[in-house]
Amino acid sequence: MMKKVKILGSGCPSCNQLADAVNAVIAAEGIEASVEKVEDIQAIMAYNVLSTPALVVDEKVLSKGRIPSHAEIKELLTAKPHSCCGNHGNKGSHGGCC
């Protein structure tokens, strides 16, 4: 399944470094992902991010205010979604975990 990756930032050098690092990990590891740079301040604020650069994977903010290492980016991009009872993230009838 293709990951949706977003780099949140104003286009500053650190934001560009994070984008380059993420693209390098995707290429090196053969990860299926689309990468989008989000520079609009209103869109960034919608993620409740106050310090950039930030890394968002499948709409979850996984890192903010720093540039993770190659190994950490790989881990963040390849981690399986957390599911509480092996149901691949589906929620029970109560809207929460089983």
N, C-alpha and C. Protein backbone atom coordinates (compact mmCIF):
# COMPACT_ATOMS: atom_id res chain seq x y z
N MET A 1 0.83 -1.18 0.00
CA MET A 1 0.00 0.00 0.00
C MET A 1 0.88 1.25 0.00
N MET A 2 0.57 2.19 -0.86
CA MET A 2 1.40 3.39 -0.98
C MET A 2 1.19 4.31 0.22
N LYS A 3 2.30 4.76 0.79
CA LYS A 3 2.26 5.72 1.89
C LYS A 3 2.08 7.11 1.32
N LYS A 4 1.36 7.95 2.06
CA LYS A 4 1.23 9.36 1.70
C LYS A 4 2.07 10.15 2.69
N VAL A 5 3.14 10.74 2.18
CA VAL A 5 4.08 11.47 3.02
C VAL A 5 3.96 12.95 2.73
N LYS A 6 3.94 13.74 3.80
CA LYS A 6 3.93 15.19 3.65
C LYS A 6 5.06 15.78 4.47
N ILE A 7 5.73 16.74 3.87
CA ILE A 7 6.76 17.51 4.56
C ILE A 7 6.15 18.87 4.83
N LEU A 8 5.98 19.21 6.10
CA LEU A 8 5.40 20.49 6.46
C LEU A 8 6.51 21.48 6.76
N GLY A 9 6.48 22.63 6.10
CA GLY A 9 7.48 23.65 6.36
C GLY A 9 7.38 24.78 5.37
N SER A 10 8.02 25.88 5.71
CA SER A 10 7.91 27.10 4.92
C SER A 10 8.85 27.15 3.72
N GLY A 11 9.58 26.09 3.48
CA GLY A 11 10.55 26.10 2.39
C GLY A 11 11.94 26.47 2.88
N CYS A 12 12.13 26.46 4.19
CA CYS A 12 13.43 26.80 4.79
C CYS A 12 14.45 25.69 4.49
N PRO A 13 15.74 25.96 4.71
CA PRO A 13 16.76 24.95 4.44
C PRO A 13 16.50 23.62 5.17
N SER A 14 16.05 23.67 6.42
CA SER A 14 15.79 22.43 7.17
C SER A 14 14.64 21.64 6.54
N CYS A 15 13.64 22.35 6.07
CA CYS A 15 12.51 21.69 5.42
C CYS A 15 12.96 20.99 4.15
N ASN A 16 13.81 21.67 3.40
CA ASN A 16 14.34 21.07 2.17
C ASN A 16 15.24 19.88 2.50
N GLN A 17 16.01 19.97 3.59
CA GLN A 17 16.86 18.85 4.01
C GLN A 17 16.00 17.64 4.36
N LEU A 18 14.90 17.86 5.07
CA LEU A 18 14.02 16.76 5.44
C LEU A 18 13.41 16.14 4.19
N ALA A 19 12.97 16.95 3.25
CA ALA A 19 12.40 16.43 2.01
C ALA A 19 13.43 15.59 1.26
N ASP A 20 14.67 16.08 1.18
CA ASP A 20 15.74 15.34 0.51
C ASP A 20 16.02 14.02 1.22
N ALA A 21 16.04 14.05 2.56
CA ALA A 21 16.31 12.85 3.34
C ALA A 21 15.21 11.81 3.16
N VAL A 22 13.97 12.26 3.18
CA VAL A 22 12.83 11.34 2.99
C VAL A 22 12.89 10.73 1.59
N ASN A 23 13.13 11.56 0.58
CA ASN A 23 13.22 11.03 -0.79
C ASN A 23 14.37 10.05 -0.93
N ALA A 24 15.48 10.29 -0.25
CA ALA A 24 16.63 9.38 -0.31
C ALA A 24 16.28 8.04 0.32
N VAL A 25 15.58 8.05 1.44
CA VAL A 25 15.19 6.79 2.10
C VAL A 25 14.20 6.03 1.21
N ILE A 26 13.23 6.73 0.64
CA ILE A 26 12.25 6.09 -0.23
C ILE A 26 12.95 5.41 -1.41
N ALA A 27 13.90 6.11 -2.01
CA ALA A 27 14.62 5.56 -3.16
C ALA A 27 15.51 4.38 -2.75
N ALA A 28 16.24 4.54 -1.63
CA ALA A 28 17.17 3.50 -1.19
C ALA A 28 16.46 2.22 -0.74
N GLU A 29 15.30 2.38 -0.14
CA GLU A 29 14.60 1.24 0.43
C GLU A 29 13.49 0.70 -0.48
N GLY A 30 13.24 1.35 -1.59
CA GLY A 30 12.20 0.91 -2.51
C GLY A 30 10.80 1.01 -1.90
N ILE A 31 10.59 2.04 -1.10
CA ILE A 31 9.30 2.23 -0.43
C ILE A 31 8.33 2.90 -1.41
N GLU A 32 7.12 2.38 -1.47
CA GLU A 32 6.08 3.00 -2.30
C GLU A 32 5.47 4.16 -1.53
N ALA A 33 5.74 5.36 -1.99
CA ALA A 33 5.22 6.53 -1.28
C ALA A 33 5.13 7.71 -2.23
N SER A 34 4.14 8.55 -1.95
CA SER A 34 4.05 9.83 -2.64
C SER A 34 4.47 10.88 -1.63
N VAL A 35 5.25 11.86 -2.08
CA VAL A 35 5.75 12.90 -1.18
C VAL A 35 5.22 14.25 -1.64
N GLU A 36 4.66 14.98 -0.69
CA GLU A 36 4.11 16.30 -0.97
C GLU A 36 4.71 17.29 0.02
N LYS A 37 5.15 18.43 -0.50
CA LYS A 37 5.63 19.50 0.39
C LYS A 37 4.47 20.45 0.65
N VAL A 38 4.22 20.71 1.92
CA VAL A 38 3.14 21.61 2.31
C VAL A 38 3.78 22.86 2.90
N GLU A 39 3.64 23.99 2.21
CA GLU A 39 4.27 25.23 2.64
C GLU A 39 3.26 26.28 3.11
N ASP A 40 1.98 26.01 2.91
CA ASP A 40 0.93 26.95 3.31
C ASP A 40 0.78 26.92 4.83
N ILE A 41 0.94 28.06 5.47
CA ILE A 41 0.94 28.13 6.93
C ILE A 41 -0.39 27.66 7.52
N GLN A 42 -1.49 27.95 6.86
CA GLN A 42 -2.80 27.51 7.36
C GLN A 42 -2.91 25.98 7.33
N ALA A 43 -2.41 25.39 6.26
CA ALA A 43 -2.43 23.93 6.14
C ALA A 43 -1.54 23.29 7.20
N ILE A 44 -0.38 23.91 7.47
CA ILE A 44 0.53 23.40 8.50
C ILE A 44 -0.13 23.49 9.87
N MET A 45 -0.78 24.62 10.14
CA MET A 45 -1.45 24.81 11.43
C MET A 45 -2.57 23.79 11.64
N ALA A 46 -3.18 23.34 10.55
CA ALA A 46 -4.25 22.34 10.66
C ALA A 46 -3.74 21.04 11.27
N TYR A 47 -2.43 20.79 11.17
CA TYR A 47 -1.82 19.60 11.78
C TYR A 47 -1.38 19.87 13.22
N ASN A 48 -1.65 21.07 13.72
CA ASN A 48 -1.27 21.47 15.08
C ASN A 48 0.26 21.40 15.25
N VAL A 49 0.97 21.80 14.19
CA VAL A 49 2.43 21.80 14.21
C VAL A 49 2.89 23.24 14.36
N LEU A 50 3.69 23.49 15.40
CA LEU A 50 4.20 24.84 15.64
C LEU A 50 5.67 24.97 15.26
N SER A 51 6.39 23.84 15.18
CA SER A 51 7.79 23.92 14.78
C SER A 51 8.03 23.00 13.60
N THR A 52 8.64 23.58 12.58
CA THR A 52 8.93 22.83 11.36
C THR A 52 10.43 22.60 11.26
N PRO A 53 10.86 21.66 10.46
CA PRO A 53 10.07 20.84 9.56
C PRO A 53 9.32 19.74 10.32
N ALA A 54 8.25 19.28 9.70
CA ALA A 54 7.48 18.18 10.28
C ALA A 54 7.26 17.12 9.22
N LEU A 55 7.22 15.88 9.68
CA LEU A 55 7.01 14.73 8.80
C LEU A 55 5.66 14.12 9.13
N VAL A 56 4.81 14.04 8.12
CA VAL A 56 3.48 13.46 8.27
C VAL A 56 3.41 12.24 7.36
N VAL A 57 3.02 11.10 7.93
CA VAL A 57 2.86 9.88 7.14
C VAL A 57 1.44 9.39 7.34
N ASP A 58 0.73 9.24 6.24
CA ASP A 58 -0.67 8.80 6.28
C ASP A 58 -1.47 9.61 7.29
N GLU A 59 -1.30 10.93 7.22
CA GLU A 59 -2.03 11.91 8.03
C GLU A 59 -1.70 11.87 9.53
N LYS A 60 -0.59 11.22 9.91
CA LYS A 60 -0.15 11.24 11.30
C LYS A 60 1.18 11.99 11.39
N VAL A 61 1.26 12.98 12.27
CA VAL A 61 2.50 13.72 12.48
C VAL A 61 3.44 12.82 13.27
N LEU A 62 4.57 12.45 12.65
CA LEU A 62 5.51 11.53 13.29
C LEU A 62 6.78 12.21 13.78
N SER A 63 7.06 13.39 13.27
CA SER A 63 8.27 14.10 13.68
C SER A 63 8.03 15.59 13.44
N LYS A 64 8.52 16.42 14.37
CA LYS A 64 8.42 17.86 14.14
C LYS A 64 9.58 18.58 14.80
N GLY A 65 10.01 19.66 14.14
CA GLY A 65 11.06 20.50 14.67
C GLY A 65 12.47 19.96 14.54
N ARG A 66 12.64 18.89 13.75
CA ARG A 66 13.98 18.32 13.59
C ARG A 66 14.03 17.47 12.32
N ILE A 67 15.24 17.05 11.98
CA ILE A 67 15.43 16.17 10.84
C ILE A 67 15.86 14.81 11.37
N PRO A 68 14.98 13.81 11.30
CA PRO A 68 15.35 12.47 11.80
C PRO A 68 16.48 11.87 10.97
N SER A 69 17.18 10.90 11.56
CA SER A 69 18.25 10.20 10.86
C SER A 69 17.66 9.32 9.76
N HIS A 70 18.53 8.85 8.86
CA HIS A 70 18.12 7.94 7.78
C HIS A 70 17.40 6.73 8.37
N ALA A 71 18.00 6.14 9.41
CA ALA A 71 17.43 4.94 10.03
C ALA A 71 16.06 5.23 10.64
N GLU A 72 15.93 6.39 11.27
CA GLU A 72 14.65 6.74 11.89
C GLU A 72 13.57 6.99 10.83
N ILE A 73 13.95 7.68 9.76
CA ILE A 73 13.00 7.92 8.68
C ILE A 73 12.54 6.59 8.10
N LYS A 74 13.48 5.67 7.89
CA LYS A 74 13.13 4.34 7.36
C LYS A 74 12.14 3.66 8.29
N GLU A 75 12.40 3.71 9.59
CA GLU A 75 11.50 3.09 10.56
C GLU A 75 10.11 3.73 10.53
N LEU A 76 10.07 5.05 10.45
CA LEU A 76 8.79 5.76 10.42
C LEU A 76 7.98 5.42 9.16
N LEU A 77 8.69 5.27 8.04
CA LEU A 77 8.00 4.99 6.78
C LEU A 77 7.59 3.54 6.61
N THR A 78 8.27 2.63 7.31
CA THR A 78 7.98 1.21 7.13
C THR A 78 7.20 0.61 8.29
N ALA A 79 6.95 1.39 9.34
CA ALA A 79 6.21 0.87 10.49
C ALA A 79 4.80 0.49 10.06
N LYS A 80 4.35 -0.62 10.60
CA LYS A 80 2.98 -1.06 10.33
C LYS A 80 2.02 -0.21 11.15
N PRO A 81 0.84 0.05 10.63
CA PRO A 81 -0.13 0.81 11.42
C PRO A 81 -0.46 0.06 12.70
N HIS A 82 -0.63 0.80 13.77
CA HIS A 82 -0.96 0.17 15.04
C HIS A 82 -2.43 -0.22 15.02
N SER A 83 -2.68 -1.45 15.39
CA SER A 83 -4.08 -1.86 15.55
C SER A 83 -4.17 -2.58 16.88
N CYS A 84 -5.25 -2.39 17.55
CA CYS A 84 -5.36 -2.86 18.91
C CYS A 84 -5.64 -4.34 19.00
N CYS A 85 -6.26 -4.91 17.99
CA CYS A 85 -6.61 -6.32 18.11
C CYS A 85 -6.42 -7.06 16.78
N GLY A 86 -5.42 -6.62 16.03
CA GLY A 86 -5.10 -7.31 14.78
C GLY A 86 -6.13 -7.11 13.69
N ASN A 87 -6.93 -6.07 13.80
CA ASN A 87 -7.97 -5.86 12.79
C ASN A 87 -7.58 -4.77 11.80
N HIS A 88 -6.31 -4.55 11.65
CA HIS A 88 -5.76 -3.61 10.67
C HIS A 88 -6.33 -2.21 10.81
N GLY A 89 -6.50 -1.77 12.04
CA GLY A 89 -6.91 -0.40 12.28
C GLY A 89 -8.40 -0.17 12.25
N ASN A 90 -9.19 -1.22 11.98
CA ASN A 90 -10.64 -1.03 11.98
C ASN A 90 -11.10 -0.83 13.40
N LYS A 91 -12.04 0.06 13.56
CA LYS A 91 -12.54 0.33 14.90
C LYS A 91 -13.79 -0.48 15.16
N GLY A 92 -13.97 -0.84 16.40
CA GLY A 92 -15.16 -1.59 16.80
C GLY A 92 -16.40 -0.73 16.71
N SER A 93 -17.52 -1.29 17.09
CA SER A 93 -18.79 -0.59 16.99
C SER A 93 -18.87 0.63 17.91
N HIS A 94 -17.97 0.69 18.90
CA HIS A 94 -17.97 1.82 19.81
C HIS A 94 -17.05 2.94 19.35
N GLY A 95 -16.42 2.78 18.18
CA GLY A 95 -15.55 3.80 17.64
C GLY A 95 -14.15 3.77 18.22
N GLY A 96 -13.86 2.82 19.07
CA GLY A 96 -12.55 2.71 19.68
C GLY A 96 -11.98 1.33 19.45
N CYS A 97 -10.98 0.97 20.23
CA CYS A 97 -10.39 -0.35 20.10
C CYS A 97 -11.27 -1.39 20.77
N CYS A 98 -11.01 -2.63 20.41
CA CYS A 98 -11.81 -3.76 20.90
C CYS A 98 -11.78 -3.86 22.42
